[in-house]
Amino acid sequence: MQPPGRGSADCRIDLKLLQWRALRAAGRSAAARLRLDAFDPMLRPDLWAGTVHDGVARGFMAALEEAISLAPADPDELWPTPPDDPLRVQSFEGKDLRKKKDLLVESGGAKIRFSRKEGVLFVDRRAGVNSPNCLRFEARTDRGTLDGFVGEESERPRLFSAQFLDPVRYVAGAGHYELLLRGRLGRTAAGFDCEILFVASESEPFVRMRLRLDNRHDNHRLRARFLGVPSTLLHHRCADVHEEAKNDAGGFVAFTLVRACGTLLVNSEPVAAPAAQCRGTIEHEFRLGSDFGPRKG
């Protein structure tokens, strides 16, 4: 076994998403904890890092899924739904939705507004945060290995804003809000199909965000950048794949959505690991805002 490199934290993102759920399951179930006992991260850090052959990674993912299935359902995974009352809850699509220029998704604490002008505006008054166009995306070719990202020196990161996604459904009323955005990050063949769902309820202090990505490319990394929002207000339901960057504009917090990289180092020699390209649909969940309990404003 070769110790994983420090840059392996965000490889095999499908594995890292499962790890987060499995560890939560172990907190609810002795049977789930017992299933994970055979995979002590102190003895097998390469397993948890993902710096293993594809077959080994698939076996570990199966064990994580078994651990999740052994625990009772996680009530925290249930999203709020709108009341079944058409007199209080309105739904907008198509032409009616295009007439609305400013779309509000408001919880009992944090809220977001979406518009073509400001993209995703995030507000958390208790934390003193008001950040327009705060959600961006960064894509860059990866020349590294599973042990670490190495960006293509001849190119700059390609940056996209969520403001160029299209609203396709908006639901509001009775203290419940939903906004579905859909589109493509980048207009070329190297772009990514992307869908973002925001859901908020006045009974919760945060805005829920579900981001679905269709990865059809190899050897790249795609990250979500949050500008002007401290990491304490960004809760990613995944193993830790975030980085905080400082620059002249104040910096940002970046979360890896996918790092497609098919090269594993074994005894310092490259070995193909095609499954680590993570092709297909990948889904991330975030909670945006202070978790101080419900409060309007």
C-alpha atoms as a PDB file:
ATOM      1  CA  MET A   1       0.000   0.000   0.000  1.00  0.00           C
ATOM      2  CA  GLN A   2       1.293   3.428  -0.990  1.00  0.00           C
ATOM      3  CA  PRO A   3       0.181   6.279   1.296  1.00  0.00           C
ATOM      4  CA  PRO A   4      -2.240   8.626  -0.512  1.00  0.00           C
ATOM      5  CA  GLY A   5      -0.989  12.018  -1.595  1.00  0.00           C
ATOM      6  CA  ARG A   6      -2.229  15.160   0.118  1.00  0.00           C
ATOM      7  CA  GLY A   7      -4.070  16.163  -3.044  1.00  0.00           C
ATOM      8  CA  SER A   8      -6.252  13.046  -3.130  1.00  0.00           C
ATOM      9  CA  ALA A   9      -9.012  14.567  -0.989  1.00  0.00           C
ATOM     10  CA  ASP A  10     -11.265  15.306  -3.967  1.00  0.00           C
ATOM     11  CA  CYS A  11     -10.620  12.360  -6.308  1.00  0.00           C
ATOM     12  CA  ARG A  12     -13.380   9.746  -6.880  1.00  0.00           C
ATOM     13  CA  ILE A  13     -16.105  12.175  -5.831  1.00  0.00           C
ATOM     14  CA  ASP A  14     -18.741   9.415  -6.041  1.00  0.00           C
ATOM     15  CA  LEU A  15     -16.825   7.587  -3.306  1.00  0.00           C
ATOM     16  CA  LYS A  16     -16.544  10.734  -1.166  1.00  0.00           C
ATOM     17  CA  LEU A  17     -20.302  11.353  -1.377  1.00  0.00           C
ATOM     18  CA  LEU A  18     -20.999   7.792  -0.202  1.00  0.00           C
ATOM     19  CA  GLN A  19     -18.519   8.111   2.661  1.00  0.00           C
ATOM     20  CA  TRP A  20     -20.417  11.059   4.106  1.00  0.00           C
ATOM     21  CA  ARG A  21     -23.714   9.126   4.093  1.00  0.00           C
ATOM     22  CA  ALA A  22     -22.128   5.934   5.455  1.00  0.00           C
ATOM     23  CA  LEU A  23     -20.503   7.727   8.393  1.00  0.00           C
ATOM     24  CA  ARG A  24     -23.834   9.345   9.243  1.00  0.00           C
ATOM     25  CA  ALA A  25     -25.478   5.912   9.040  1.00  0.00           C
ATOM     26  CA  ALA A  26     -22.858   4.581  11.469  1.00  0.00           C
ATOM     27  CA  GLY A  27     -23.921   7.291  13.895  1.00  0.00           C
ATOM     28  CA  ARG A  28     -27.496   5.952  13.826  1.00  0.00           C
ATOM     29  CA  SER A  29     -26.905   2.201  13.711  1.00  0.00           C
ATOM     30  CA  ALA A  30     -24.631  -0.274  15.508  1.00  0.00           C
ATOM     31  CA  ALA A  31     -24.974  -2.642  12.536  1.00  0.00           C
ATOM     32  CA  ALA A  32     -23.729   0.067  10.174  1.00  0.00           C
ATOM     33  CA  ARG A  33     -20.795   0.799  12.494  1.00  0.00           C
ATOM     34  CA  LEU A  34     -19.920  -2.891  12.574  1.00  0.00           C
ATOM     35  CA  ARG A  35     -19.960  -3.051   8.774  1.00  0.00           C
ATOM     36  CA  LEU A  36     -17.411  -0.213   8.612  1.00  0.00           C
ATOM     37  CA  ASP A  37     -15.137  -1.617  11.328  1.00  0.00           C
ATOM     38  CA  ALA A  38     -13.230  -3.644   8.751  1.00  0.00           C
ATOM     39  CA  PHE A  39     -12.190  -0.438   6.999  1.00  0.00           C
ATOM     40  CA  ASP A  40     -10.265   1.402   9.691  1.00  0.00           C
ATOM     41  CA  PRO A  41      -9.054   4.631   8.017  1.00  0.00           C
ATOM     42  CA  MET A  42      -5.858   4.471  10.094  1.00  0.00           C
ATOM     43  CA  LEU A  43      -5.026   1.086   8.565  1.00  0.00           C
ATOM     44  CA  ARG A  44      -6.408   1.733   5.058  1.00  0.00           C
ATOM     45  CA  PRO A  45      -6.099   5.454   4.328  1.00  0.00           C
ATOM     46  CA  ASP A  46      -5.786   4.615   0.618  1.00  0.00           C
ATOM     47  CA  LEU A  47      -9.330   3.203   0.610  1.00  0.00           C
ATOM     48  CA  TRP A  48     -10.839   6.352   2.072  1.00  0.00           C
ATOM     49  CA  ALA A  49      -8.698   8.554  -0.160  1.00  0.00           C
ATOM     50  CA  GLY A  50      -9.693   6.585  -3.265  1.00  0.00           C
ATOM     51  CA  THR A  51      -6.108   5.992  -4.386  1.00  0.00           C
ATOM     52  CA  VAL A  52      -6.786   2.339  -5.191  1.00  0.00           C
ATOM     53  CA  HIS A  53      -7.549   0.242  -8.278  1.00  0.00           C
ATOM     54  CA  ASP A  54     -11.050   0.508  -9.746  1.00  0.00           C
ATOM     55  CA  GLY A  55     -12.081  -2.962  -8.533  1.00  0.00           C
ATOM     56  CA  VAL A  56     -11.030  -2.186  -4.958  1.00  0.00           C
ATOM     57  CA  ALA A  57     -12.872   1.132  -5.078  1.00  0.00           C
ATOM     58  CA  ARG A  58     -16.043  -0.598  -6.325  1.00  0.00           C
ATOM     59  CA  GLY A  59     -15.844  -3.123  -3.489  1.00  0.00           C
ATOM     60  CA  PHE A  60     -15.441  -0.366  -0.903  1.00  0.00           C
ATOM     61  CA  MET A  61     -18.356   1.569  -2.392  1.00  0.00           C
ATOM     62  CA  ALA A  62     -20.517  -1.567  -2.122  1.00  0.00           C
ATOM     63  CA  ALA A  63     -19.580  -1.853   1.565  1.00  0.00           C
ATOM     64  CA  LEU A  64     -20.479   1.796   2.135  1.00  0.00           C
ATOM     65  CA  GLU A  65     -23.858   1.256   0.464  1.00  0.00           C
ATOM     66  CA  GLU A  66     -24.469  -1.782   2.683  1.00  0.00           C
ATOM     67  CA  ALA A  67     -23.675   0.274   5.783  1.00  0.00           C
ATOM     68  CA  ILE A  68     -26.148   2.934   4.659  1.00  0.00           C
ATOM     69  CA  SER A  69     -28.847   0.292   4.102  1.00  0.00           C
ATOM     70  CA  LEU A  70     -28.338  -1.130   7.624  1.00  0.00           C
ATOM     71  CA  ALA A  71     -29.295   2.147   9.291  1.00  0.00           C
ATOM     72  CA  PRO A  72     -32.805   3.554   9.635  1.00  0.00           C
ATOM     73  CA  ALA A  73     -33.719   6.255   7.147  1.00  0.00           C
ATOM     74  CA  ASP A  74     -32.088   9.583   7.865  1.00  0.00           C
ATOM     75  CA  PRO A  75     -34.895  12.066   8.639  1.00  0.00           C
ATOM     76  CA  ASP A  76     -32.499  14.869   7.793  1.00  0.00           C
ATOM     77  CA  GLU A  77     -32.608  13.778   4.140  1.00  0.00           C
ATOM     78  CA  LEU A  78     -36.321  14.580   3.843  1.00  0.00           C
ATOM     79  CA  TRP A  79     -36.834  17.879   2.069  1.00  0.00           C
ATOM     80  CA  PRO A  80     -39.776  20.162   2.919  1.00  0.00           C
ATOM     81  CA  THR A  81     -42.667  20.045   0.465  1.00  0.00           C
ATOM     82  CA  PRO A  82     -45.225  22.755  -0.348  1.00  0.00           C
ATOM     83  CA  PRO A  83     -48.709  22.526   1.178  1.00  0.00           C
ATOM     84  CA  ASP A  84     -51.283  21.004  -1.145  1.00  0.00           C
ATOM     85  CA  ASP A  85     -53.270  24.213  -1.353  1.00  0.00           C
ATOM     86  CA  PRO A  86     -53.486  25.932  -4.773  1.00  0.00           C
ATOM     87  CA  LEU A  87     -55.072  28.976  -3.160  1.00  0.00           C
ATOM     88  CA  ARG A  88     -51.950  29.643  -1.079  1.00  0.00           C
ATOM     89  CA  VAL A  89     -49.162  28.152  -3.198  1.00  0.00           C
ATOM     90  CA  GLN A  90     -48.449  29.382  -6.729  1.00  0.00           C
ATOM     91  CA  SER A  91     -46.363  27.592  -9.338  1.00  0.00           C
ATOM     92  CA  PHE A  92     -44.835  29.377 -12.348  1.00  0.00           C
ATOM     93  CA  GLU A  93     -43.407  27.863 -15.532  1.00  0.00           C
ATOM     94  CA  GLY A  94     -42.943  28.875 -19.154  1.00  0.00           C
ATOM     95  CA  LYS A  95     -44.290  32.264 -20.167  1.00  0.00           C
ATOM     96  CA  ASP A  96     -45.576  33.131 -16.685  1.00  0.00           C
ATOM     97  CA  LEU A  97     -42.153  32.469 -15.203  1.00  0.00           C
ATOM     98  CA  ARG A  98     -40.329  34.518 -17.833  1.00  0.00           C
ATOM     99  CA  LYS A  99     -42.351  37.557 -16.762  1.00  0.00           C
ATOM    100  CA  LYS A 100     -40.809  37.393 -13.280  1.00  0.00           C
ATOM    101  CA  LYS A 101     -37.451  39.164 -13.167  1.00  0.00           C
ATOM    102  CA  ASP A 102     -36.593  38.589  -9.513  1.00  0.00           C
ATOM    103  CA  LEU A 103     -37.102  35.205  -7.837  1.00  0.00           C
ATOM    104  CA  LEU A 104     -36.944  34.907  -4.036  1.00  0.00           C
ATOM    105  CA  VAL A 105     -36.205  31.693  -2.100  1.00  0.00           C
ATOM    106  CA  GLU A 106     -36.485  32.510   1.607  1.00  0.00           C
ATOM    107  CA  SER A 107     -36.010  30.327   4.671  1.00  0.00           C
ATOM    108  CA  GLY A 108     -36.527  31.261   8.300  1.00  0.00           C
ATOM    109  CA  GLY A 109     -33.009  32.698   8.250  1.00  0.00           C
ATOM    110  CA  ALA A 110     -31.008  32.846   5.012  1.00  0.00           C
ATOM    111  CA  LYS A 111     -32.401  33.582   1.574  1.00  0.00           C
ATOM    112  CA  ILE A 112     -31.341  33.805  -2.040  1.00  0.00           C
ATOM    113  CA  ARG A 113     -32.612  35.905  -4.921  1.00  0.00           C
ATOM    114  CA  PHE A 114     -32.024  34.979  -8.533  1.00  0.00           C
ATOM    115  CA  SER A 115     -31.975  37.354 -11.486  1.00  0.00           C
ATOM    116  CA  ARG A 116     -30.150  37.658 -14.782  1.00  0.00           C
ATOM    117  CA  LYS A 117     -28.466  40.814 -13.498  1.00  0.00           C
ATOM    118  CA  GLU A 118     -27.124  39.573 -10.162  1.00  0.00           C
ATOM    119  CA  GLY A 119     -27.186  35.796 -10.597  1.00  0.00           C
ATOM    120  CA  VAL A 120     -27.552  34.155  -7.183  1.00  0.00           C
ATOM    121  CA  LEU A 121     -27.695  36.807  -4.451  1.00  0.00           C
ATOM    122  CA  PHE A 122     -27.151  35.238  -1.028  1.00  0.00           C
ATOM    123  CA  VAL A 123     -28.266  37.012   2.150  1.00  0.00           C
ATOM    124  CA  ASP A 124     -27.854  35.972   5.773  1.00  0.00           C
ATOM    125  CA  ARG A 125     -28.596  39.000   7.927  1.00  0.00           C
ATOM    126  CA  ARG A 126     -27.621  37.388  11.212  1.00  0.00           C
ATOM    127  CA  ALA A 127     -24.174  36.643   9.767  1.00  0.00           C
ATOM    128  CA  GLY A 128     -23.956  40.057   8.079  1.00  0.00           C
ATOM    129  CA  VAL A 129     -23.595  38.560   4.590  1.00  0.00           C
ATOM    130  CA  ASN A 130     -25.019  40.054   1.395  1.00  0.00           C
ATOM    131  CA  SER A 131     -23.242  38.668  -1.672  1.00  0.00           C
ATOM    132  CA  PRO A 132     -24.540  39.184  -5.251  1.00  0.00           C
ATOM    133  CA  ASN A 133     -23.572  36.792  -8.060  1.00  0.00           C
ATOM    134  CA  CYS A 134     -21.971  34.587  -5.427  1.00  0.00           C
ATOM    135  CA  LEU A 135     -22.200  31.241  -7.237  1.00  0.00           C
ATOM    136  CA  ARG A 136     -19.648  30.615  -9.994  1.00  0.00           C
ATOM    137  CA  PHE A 137     -18.102  27.540 -11.540  1.00  0.00           C
ATOM    138  CA  GLU A 138     -14.488  26.819 -12.403  1.00  0.00           C
ATOM    139  CA  ALA A 139     -13.383  24.196 -14.947  1.00  0.00           C
ATOM    140  CA  ARG A 140      -9.784  23.268 -15.691  1.00  0.00           C
ATOM    141  CA  THR A 141      -7.921  20.430 -17.383  1.00  0.00           C
ATOM    142  CA  ASP A 142      -6.296  18.025 -14.900  1.00  0.00           C
ATOM    143  CA  ARG A 143      -2.841  16.631 -15.759  1.00  0.00           C
ATOM    144  CA  GLY A 144      -2.340  15.056 -12.330  1.00  0.00           C
ATOM    145  CA  THR A 145      -3.044  11.684 -10.762  1.00  0.00           C
ATOM    146  CA  LEU A 146      -5.451  10.447  -8.098  1.00  0.00           C
ATOM    147  CA  ASP A 147      -2.858  11.664  -5.583  1.00  0.00           C
ATOM    148  CA  GLY A 148      -3.231  15.277  -6.612  1.00  0.00           C
ATOM    149  CA  PHE A 149      -4.639  17.784  -9.094  1.00  0.00           C
ATOM    150  CA  VAL A 150      -2.189  19.370 -11.539  1.00  0.00           C
ATOM    151  CA  GLY A 151      -3.717  22.077 -13.712  1.00  0.00           C
ATOM    152  CA  GLU A 152      -2.811  22.469 -17.363  1.00  0.00           C
ATOM    153  CA  GLU A 153      -0.160  25.209 -17.347  1.00  0.00           C
ATOM    154  CA  SER A 154      -1.069  26.505 -20.795  1.00  0.00           C
ATOM    155  CA  GLU A 155      -4.660  27.402 -19.906  1.00  0.00           C
ATOM    156  CA  ARG A 156      -6.490  29.474 -17.357  1.00  0.00           C
ATOM    157  CA  PRO A 157      -9.521  28.114 -15.510  1.00  0.00           C
ATOM    158  CA  ARG A 158     -12.767  28.551 -17.449  1.00  0.00           C
ATOM    159  CA  LEU A 159     -15.250  30.453 -15.286  1.00  0.00           C
ATOM    160  CA  PHE A 160     -19.052  30.397 -15.520  1.00  0.00           C
ATOM    161  CA  SER A 161     -21.765  32.137 -13.517  1.00  0.00           C
ATOM    162  CA  ALA A 162     -25.030  30.599 -12.371  1.00  0.00           C
ATOM    163  CA  GLN A 163     -26.765  33.674 -13.807  1.00  0.00           C
ATOM    164  CA  PHE A 164     -26.602  32.068 -17.273  1.00  0.00           C
ATOM    165  CA  LEU A 165     -28.747  29.118 -16.199  1.00  0.00           C
ATOM    166  CA  ASP A 166     -32.459  29.318 -17.011  1.00  0.00           C
ATOM    167  CA  PRO A 167     -35.298  29.281 -14.454  1.00  0.00           C
ATOM    168  CA  VAL A 168     -37.669  26.461 -15.411  1.00  0.00           C
ATOM    169  CA  ARG A 169     -39.953  26.246 -12.340  1.00  0.00           C
ATOM    170  CA  TYR A 170     -40.718  28.527  -9.400  1.00  0.00           C
ATOM    171  CA  VAL A 171     -43.005  27.695  -6.471  1.00  0.00           C
ATOM    172  CA  ALA A 172     -43.898  30.198  -3.750  1.00  0.00           C
ATOM    173  CA  GLY A 173     -46.477  30.527  -1.002  1.00  0.00           C
ATOM    174  CA  ALA A 174     -47.426  29.445   2.515  1.00  0.00           C
ATOM    175  CA  GLY A 175     -43.867  29.879   3.750  1.00  0.00           C
ATOM    176  CA  HIS A 176     -42.374  27.559   1.111  1.00  0.00           C
ATOM    177  CA  TYR A 177     -40.204  28.329  -1.928  1.00  0.00           C
ATOM    178  CA  GLU A 178     -38.659  26.292  -4.738  1.00  0.00           C
ATOM    179  CA  LEU A 179     -36.591  27.421  -7.706  1.00  0.00           C
ATOM    180  CA  LEU A 180     -35.270  25.087 -10.395  1.00  0.00           C
ATOM    181  CA  LEU A 181     -32.494  26.310 -12.715  1.00  0.00           C
ATOM    182  CA  ARG A 182     -31.306  24.344 -15.703  1.00  0.00           C
ATOM    183  CA  GLY A 183     -28.820  24.896 -18.499  1.00  0.00           C
ATOM    184  CA  ARG A 184     -25.265  24.384 -19.633  1.00  0.00           C
ATOM    185  CA  LEU A 185     -22.001  25.656 -18.195  1.00  0.00           C
ATOM    186  CA  GLY A 186     -20.169  26.663 -21.339  1.00  0.00           C
ATOM    187  CA  ARG A 187     -21.509  26.679 -24.877  1.00  0.00           C
ATOM    188  CA  THR A 188     -18.862  24.437 -26.446  1.00  0.00           C
ATOM    189  CA  ALA A 189     -18.631  20.659 -26.492  1.00  0.00           C
ATOM    190  CA  ALA A 190     -16.417  20.960 -23.400  1.00  0.00           C
ATOM    191  CA  GLY A 191     -19.330  22.317 -21.352  1.00  0.00           C
ATOM    192  CA  PHE A 192     -21.442  20.640 -18.691  1.00  0.00           C
ATOM    193  CA  ASP A 193     -25.197  20.093 -18.418  1.00  0.00           C
ATOM    194  CA  CYS A 194     -26.207  21.408 -15.005  1.00  0.00           C
ATOM    195  CA  GLU A 195     -29.353  21.609 -12.888  1.00  0.00           C
ATOM    196  CA  ILE A 196     -29.735  23.433  -9.562  1.00  0.00           C
ATOM    197  CA  LEU A 197     -32.722  23.179  -7.228  1.00  0.00           C
ATOM    198  CA  PHE A 198     -33.116  25.655  -4.355  1.00  0.00           C
ATOM    199  CA  VAL A 199     -35.699  24.830  -1.671  1.00  0.00           C
ATOM    200  CA  ALA A 200     -36.459  26.835   1.458  1.00  0.00           C
ATOM    201  CA  SER A 201     -39.055  26.764   4.200  1.00  0.00           C
ATOM    202  CA  GLU A 202     -39.743  29.254   6.958  1.00  0.00           C
ATOM    203  CA  SER A 203     -39.416  26.340   9.422  1.00  0.00           C
ATOM    204  CA  GLU A 204     -35.693  25.963   8.600  1.00  0.00           C
ATOM    205  CA  PRO A 205     -32.840  28.481   8.989  1.00  0.00           C
ATOM    206  CA  PHE A 206     -31.048  27.624   5.732  1.00  0.00           C
ATOM    207  CA  VAL A 207     -31.643  27.319   2.004  1.00  0.00           C
ATOM    208  CA  ARG A 208     -31.198  23.831   0.572  1.00  0.00           C
ATOM    209  CA  MET A 209     -29.387  23.488  -2.733  1.00  0.00           C
ATOM    210  CA  ARG A 210     -29.231  20.333  -4.839  1.00  0.00           C
ATOM    211  CA  LEU A 211     -26.837  20.480  -7.779  1.00  0.00           C
ATOM    212  CA  ARG A 212     -26.949  17.795 -10.470  1.00  0.00           C
ATOM    213  CA  LEU A 213     -24.135  17.569 -12.996  1.00  0.00           C
ATOM    214  CA  ASP A 214     -23.770  15.361 -16.070  1.00  0.00           C
ATOM    215  CA  ASN A 215     -20.058  14.640 -16.536  1.00  0.00           C
ATOM    216  CA  ARG A 216     -19.120  13.434 -20.026  1.00  0.00           C
ATOM    217  CA  HIS A 217     -15.472  14.517 -20.037  1.00  0.00           C
ATOM    218  CA  ASP A 218     -12.192  13.019 -18.870  1.00  0.00           C
ATOM    219  CA  ASN A 219      -9.170  14.600 -17.187  1.00  0.00           C
ATOM    220  CA  HIS A 220     -10.630  17.775 -15.730  1.00  0.00           C
ATOM    221  CA  ARG A 221     -11.860  19.299 -12.499  1.00  0.00           C
ATOM    222  CA  LEU A 222     -15.077  21.260 -12.030  1.00  0.00           C
ATOM    223  CA  ARG A 223     -15.617  23.228  -8.837  1.00  0.00           C
ATOM    224  CA  ALA A 224     -18.380  25.433  -7.442  1.00  0.00           C
ATOM    225  CA  ARG A 225     -17.039  28.741  -6.180  1.00  0.00           C
ATOM    226  CA  PHE A 226     -18.891  30.757  -3.522  1.00  0.00           C
ATOM    227  CA  LEU A 227     -17.764  34.384  -3.464  1.00  0.00           C
ATOM    228  CA  GLY A 228     -18.276  36.597  -0.436  1.00  0.00           C
ATOM    229  CA  VAL A 229     -19.787  33.777   1.634  1.00  0.00           C
ATOM    230  CA  PRO A 230     -17.763  32.443   4.607  1.00  0.00           C
ATOM    231  CA  SER A 231     -17.232  28.697   4.769  1.00  0.00           C
ATOM    232  CA  THR A 232     -19.125  28.559   8.081  1.00  0.00           C
ATOM    233  CA  LEU A 233     -22.322  29.233   6.121  1.00  0.00           C
ATOM    234  CA  LEU A 234     -21.660  26.544   3.496  1.00  0.00           C
ATOM    235  CA  HIS A 235     -22.559  23.006   4.527  1.00  0.00           C
ATOM    236  CA  HIS A 236     -21.700  20.361   1.920  1.00  0.00           C
ATOM    237  CA  ARG A 237     -23.129  16.882   2.442  1.00  0.00           C
ATOM    238  CA  CYS A 238     -19.946  15.144   1.351  1.00  0.00           C
ATOM    239  CA  ALA A 239     -16.511  14.281   2.671  1.00  0.00           C
ATOM    240  CA  ASP A 240     -14.447  17.469   2.886  1.00  0.00           C
ATOM    241  CA  VAL A 241     -13.553  18.511  -0.675  1.00  0.00           C
ATOM    242  CA  HIS A 242     -13.350  22.266  -0.171  1.00  0.00           C
ATOM    243  CA  GLU A 243     -10.581  24.827  -0.482  1.00  0.00           C
ATOM    244  CA  GLU A 244     -10.494  28.439   0.695  1.00  0.00           C
ATOM    245  CA  ALA A 245      -8.645  30.814  -1.620  1.00  0.00           C
ATOM    246  CA  LYS A 246      -7.626  34.425  -0.983  1.00  0.00           C
ATOM    247  CA  ASN A 247      -7.121  37.024  -3.683  1.00  0.00           C
ATOM    248  CA  ASP A 248      -7.379  40.783  -4.264  1.00  0.00           C
ATOM    249  CA  ALA A 249     -11.148  40.501  -4.671  1.00  0.00           C
ATOM    250  CA  GLY A 250     -11.572  38.922  -1.240  1.00  0.00           C
ATOM    251  CA  GLY A 251     -11.265  35.272  -2.175  1.00  0.00           C
ATOM    252  CA  PHE A 252     -13.744  32.433  -2.441  1.00  0.00           C
ATOM    253  CA  VAL A 253     -14.587  28.985  -1.108  1.00  0.00           C
ATOM    254  CA  ALA A 254     -14.401  26.243  -3.762  1.00  0.00           C
ATOM    255  CA  PHE A 255     -16.035  22.799  -3.574  1.00  0.00           C
ATOM    256  CA  THR A 256     -15.055  20.076  -6.032  1.00  0.00           C
ATOM    257  CA  LEU A 257     -18.078  18.790  -7.953  1.00  0.00           C
ATOM    258  CA  VAL A 258     -16.049  16.316  -9.988  1.00  0.00           C
ATOM    259  CA  ARG A 259     -12.362  15.642 -10.518  1.00  0.00           C
ATOM    260  CA  ALA A 260     -12.148  13.302 -13.471  1.00  0.00           C
ATOM    261  CA  CYS A 261      -8.729  11.677 -13.385  1.00  0.00           C
ATOM    262  CA  GLY A 262      -7.919   8.171 -14.600  1.00  0.00           C
ATOM    263  CA  THR A 263      -4.311   7.737 -13.479  1.00  0.00           C
ATOM    264  CA  LEU A 264      -3.270   5.900 -10.303  1.00  0.00           C
ATOM    265  CA  LEU A 265       0.335   5.743  -9.133  1.00  0.00           C
ATOM    266  CA  VAL A 266       1.542   2.299  -8.013  1.00  0.00           C
ATOM    267  CA  ASN A 267       5.198   2.143  -6.945  1.00  0.00           C
ATOM    268  CA  SER A 268       5.561   5.548  -8.637  1.00  0.00           C
ATOM    269  CA  GLU A 269       4.385   4.063 -11.950  1.00  0.00           C
ATOM    270  CA  PRO A 270       1.139   5.242 -13.636  1.00  0.00           C
ATOM    271  CA  VAL A 271      -1.689   2.696 -13.850  1.00  0.00           C
ATOM    272  CA  ALA A 272      -5.015   3.290 -15.618  1.00  0.00           C
ATOM    273  CA  ALA A 273      -8.080   3.764 -13.382  1.00  0.00           C
ATOM    274  CA  PRO A 274     -10.838   4.635 -15.893  1.00  0.00           C
ATOM    275  CA  ALA A 275     -13.694   4.472 -13.360  1.00  0.00           C
ATOM    276  CA  ALA A 276     -12.113   7.385 -11.500  1.00  0.00           C
ATOM    277  CA  GLN A 277     -13.095   9.618 -14.438  1.00  0.00           C
ATOM    278  CA  CYS A 278     -16.525   9.640 -12.694  1.00  0.00           C
ATOM    279  CA  ARG A 279     -18.574   9.766 -15.885  1.00  0.00           C
ATOM    280  CA  GLY A 280     -22.336  10.112 -15.568  1.00  0.00           C
ATOM    281  CA  THR A 281     -24.711  11.982 -13.283  1.00  0.00           C
ATOM    282  CA  ILE A 282     -23.309  13.337 -10.031  1.00  0.00           C
ATOM    283  CA  GLU A 283     -25.492  14.980  -7.405  1.00  0.00           C
ATOM    284  CA  HIS A 284     -24.386  17.261  -4.556  1.00  0.00           C
ATOM    285  CA  GLU A 285     -26.380  18.786  -1.712  1.00  0.00           C
ATOM    286  CA  PHE A 286     -25.542  21.983   0.143  1.00  0.00           C
ATOM    287  CA  ARG A 287     -27.184  23.930   2.924  1.00  0.00           C
ATOM    288  CA  LEU A 288     -26.606  27.645   2.768  1.00  0.00           C
ATOM    289  CA  GLY A 289     -26.893  29.736   5.896  1.00  0.00           C
ATOM    290  CA  SER A 290     -26.498  29.863   9.665  1.00  0.00           C
ATOM    291  CA  ASP A 291     -27.842  26.853  11.524  1.00  0.00           C
ATOM    292  CA  PHE A 292     -29.152  28.806  14.506  1.00  0.00           C
ATOM    293  CA  GLY A 293     -32.758  27.636  14.393  1.00  0.00           C
ATOM    294  CA  PRO A 294     -35.704  29.139  12.497  1.00  0.00           C
ATOM    295  CA  ARG A 295     -36.182  32.848  12.561  1.00  0.00           C
ATOM    296  CA  LYS A 296     -37.641  35.110   9.924  1.00  0.00           C
ATOM    297  CA  GLY A 297     -35.721  38.130   8.708  1.00  0.00           C
END
